[in-house]
Amino acid sequence: MKKEALTIYKELLKKVSGRSGPVLFSHIKYKEGHCYYNLSLVSNKEDNLTKSIHAFREALKIYTIEKYPENYRMVKLNIDFTKKQINSQKYVDLGGAVYN
């Protein structure tokens, strides 16, 4: 299911960019980050967590603290949590979500 969602997000990103639809672009990158996080629960933990962080960081290019403070904080929490997962011995399954 997550792989299918990633395919859809990648197709959407061919049609929307940070310039043409900045909020939509950021939302897609945020959801993409969640998909990679959830994929890391079943395979390629470190690689998928790294991709998750990268997608979240792309969302922060639009979701700045000045323009979108709530979205910024939400994405930042996801980045911080995901970074901890890379370094931890215990891996926490949050039931399909990082922070939502």
C-alpha atoms as a PDB file:
ATOM      1  CA  MET A   1       0.000   0.000   0.000  1.00  0.00           C
ATOM      2  CA  LYS A   2       2.754   2.490   0.872  1.00  0.00           C
ATOM      3  CA  LYS A   3       4.643   1.721  -2.319  1.00  0.00           C
ATOM      4  CA  GLU A   4       1.509   2.471  -4.326  1.00  0.00           C
ATOM      5  CA  ALA A   5       1.076   5.763  -2.469  1.00  0.00           C
ATOM      6  CA  LEU A   6       4.694   6.679  -3.218  1.00  0.00           C
ATOM      7  CA  THR A   7       4.077   6.034  -6.905  1.00  0.00           C
ATOM      8  CA  ILE A   8       1.067   8.339  -6.814  1.00  0.00           C
ATOM      9  CA  TYR A   9       3.008  11.053  -4.967  1.00  0.00           C
ATOM     10  CA  LYS A  10       5.856  10.867  -7.481  1.00  0.00           C
ATOM     11  CA  GLU A  11       3.369  11.248 -10.337  1.00  0.00           C
ATOM     12  CA  LEU A  12       1.763  14.240  -8.637  1.00  0.00           C
ATOM     13  CA  LEU A  13       5.161  15.847  -8.131  1.00  0.00           C
ATOM     14  CA  LYS A  14       5.673  15.755 -11.901  1.00  0.00           C
ATOM     15  CA  LYS A  15       2.692  18.115 -12.173  1.00  0.00           C
ATOM     16  CA  VAL A  16       3.196  20.378  -9.169  1.00  0.00           C
ATOM     17  CA  SER A  17       6.289  22.104  -7.860  1.00  0.00           C
ATOM     18  CA  GLY A  18       7.323  24.374  -5.059  1.00  0.00           C
ATOM     19  CA  ARG A  19       6.666  27.277  -7.426  1.00  0.00           C
ATOM     20  CA  SER A  20       3.422  26.248  -9.105  1.00  0.00           C
ATOM     21  CA  GLY A  21       1.692  24.892  -6.002  1.00  0.00           C
ATOM     22  CA  PRO A  22       3.864  25.384  -2.947  1.00  0.00           C
ATOM     23  CA  VAL A  23       1.402  24.269  -0.275  1.00  0.00           C
ATOM     24  CA  LEU A  24       0.319  21.209  -2.241  1.00  0.00           C
ATOM     25  CA  PHE A  25       3.963  20.394  -2.984  1.00  0.00           C
ATOM     26  CA  SER A  26       4.823  20.560   0.722  1.00  0.00           C
ATOM     27  CA  HIS A  27       1.844  18.446   1.686  1.00  0.00           C
ATOM     28  CA  ILE A  28       2.817  15.778  -0.845  1.00  0.00           C
ATOM     29  CA  LYS A  29       6.427  15.773   0.414  1.00  0.00           C
ATOM     30  CA  TYR A  30       5.136  15.481   3.986  1.00  0.00           C
ATOM     31  CA  LYS A  31       2.957  12.494   3.072  1.00  0.00           C
ATOM     32  CA  GLU A  32       5.860  10.999   1.120  1.00  0.00           C
ATOM     33  CA  GLY A  33       7.949  11.255   4.292  1.00  0.00           C
ATOM     34  CA  HIS A  34       5.298   9.296   6.171  1.00  0.00           C
ATOM     35  CA  CYS A  35       5.263   6.615   3.478  1.00  0.00           C
ATOM     36  CA  TYR A  36       9.011   6.134   3.691  1.00  0.00           C
ATOM     37  CA  TYR A  37       8.798   6.012   7.482  1.00  0.00           C
ATOM     38  CA  ASN A  38       6.128   3.318   7.312  1.00  0.00           C
ATOM     39  CA  LEU A  39       8.120   1.355   4.727  1.00  0.00           C
ATOM     40  CA  SER A  40      11.064   1.427   7.118  1.00  0.00           C
ATOM     41  CA  LEU A  41       8.971  -0.616   9.538  1.00  0.00           C
ATOM     42  CA  VAL A  42       9.089  -3.575   7.149  1.00  0.00           C
ATOM     43  CA  SER A  43      12.262  -3.209   5.079  1.00  0.00           C
ATOM     44  CA  ASN A  44      15.449  -1.235   4.510  1.00  0.00           C
ATOM     45  CA  LYS A  45      15.108   0.619   7.793  1.00  0.00           C
ATOM     46  CA  GLU A  46      17.984   3.066   7.519  1.00  0.00           C
ATOM     47  CA  ASP A  47      17.533   3.777   3.809  1.00  0.00           C
ATOM     48  CA  ASN A  48      13.802   4.435   4.131  1.00  0.00           C
ATOM     49  CA  LEU A  49      14.252   6.550   7.262  1.00  0.00           C
ATOM     50  CA  THR A  50      16.845   8.637   5.416  1.00  0.00           C
ATOM     51  CA  LYS A  51      14.420   9.098   2.501  1.00  0.00           C
ATOM     52  CA  SER A  52      11.730  10.033   5.014  1.00  0.00           C
ATOM     53  CA  ILE A  53      13.894  12.766   6.518  1.00  0.00           C
ATOM     54  CA  HIS A  54      14.785  14.063   3.061  1.00  0.00           C
ATOM     55  CA  ALA A  55      11.096  14.313   2.088  1.00  0.00           C
ATOM     56  CA  PHE A  56      10.246  16.077   5.353  1.00  0.00           C
ATOM     57  CA  ARG A  57      13.078  18.562   4.762  1.00  0.00           C
ATOM     58  CA  GLU A  58      11.741  19.279   1.284  1.00  0.00           C
ATOM     59  CA  ALA A  59       8.377  20.123   2.873  1.00  0.00           C
ATOM     60  CA  LEU A  60      10.128  22.577   5.201  1.00  0.00           C
ATOM     61  CA  LYS A  61      11.328  24.611   2.234  1.00  0.00           C
ATOM     62  CA  ILE A  62       7.755  25.902   1.984  1.00  0.00           C
ATOM     63  CA  TYR A  63       6.473  25.226   5.487  1.00  0.00           C
ATOM     64  CA  THR A  64       8.622  27.874   7.133  1.00  0.00           C
ATOM     65  CA  ILE A  65       8.129  28.843  10.747  1.00  0.00           C
ATOM     66  CA  GLU A  66       7.157  32.356   9.642  1.00  0.00           C
ATOM     67  CA  LYS A  67       4.510  31.420   7.066  1.00  0.00           C
ATOM     68  CA  TYR A  68       3.178  28.086   8.350  1.00  0.00           C
ATOM     69  CA  PRO A  69       4.206  27.745  12.015  1.00  0.00           C
ATOM     70  CA  GLU A  70       1.929  24.790  12.829  1.00  0.00           C
ATOM     71  CA  ASN A  71       2.959  22.821   9.762  1.00  0.00           C
ATOM     72  CA  TYR A  72       6.595  23.684  10.420  1.00  0.00           C
ATOM     73  CA  ARG A  73       6.424  22.347  13.970  1.00  0.00           C
ATOM     74  CA  MET A  74       4.620  19.186  12.885  1.00  0.00           C
ATOM     75  CA  VAL A  75       7.183  18.410  10.181  1.00  0.00           C
ATOM     76  CA  LYS A  76      10.081  19.294  12.482  1.00  0.00           C
ATOM     77  CA  LEU A  77       8.774  16.854  15.110  1.00  0.00           C
ATOM     78  CA  ASN A  78       8.644  14.147  12.453  1.00  0.00           C
ATOM     79  CA  ILE A  79      12.238  14.842  11.434  1.00  0.00           C
ATOM     80  CA  ASP A  80      13.457  14.738  15.022  1.00  0.00           C
ATOM     81  CA  PHE A  81      11.563  11.533  15.767  1.00  0.00           C
ATOM     82  CA  THR A  82      12.766   9.861  12.572  1.00  0.00           C
ATOM     83  CA  LYS A  83      16.382  10.790  13.302  1.00  0.00           C
ATOM     84  CA  LYS A  84      16.055   9.125  16.705  1.00  0.00           C
ATOM     85  CA  GLN A  85      14.757   5.971  15.019  1.00  0.00           C
ATOM     86  CA  ILE A  86      17.867   5.764  12.855  1.00  0.00           C
ATOM     87  CA  ASN A  87      20.066   5.792  15.941  1.00  0.00           C
ATOM     88  CA  SER A  88      17.974   3.689  18.281  1.00  0.00           C
ATOM     89  CA  GLN A  89      18.212  -0.004  18.997  1.00  0.00           C
ATOM     90  CA  LYS A  90      14.489  -0.157  19.690  1.00  0.00           C
ATOM     91  CA  TYR A  91      12.278   0.570  16.762  1.00  0.00           C
ATOM     92  CA  VAL A  92       8.849   1.927  17.576  1.00  0.00           C
ATOM     93  CA  ASP A  93       5.840   1.031  15.465  1.00  0.00           C
ATOM     94  CA  LEU A  94       3.401   3.903  15.827  1.00  0.00           C
ATOM     95  CA  GLY A  95       0.545   2.166  14.078  1.00  0.00           C
ATOM     96  CA  GLY A  96       1.174   3.673  10.669  1.00  0.00           C
ATOM     97  CA  ALA A  97       2.040   7.217  11.730  1.00  0.00           C
ATOM     98  CA  VAL A  98       5.043   9.110  12.928  1.00  0.00           C
ATOM     99  CA  TYR A  99       3.356  12.168  14.425  1.00  0.00           C
ATOM    100  CA  ASN A 100       0.121  13.248  12.864  1.00  0.00           C
END
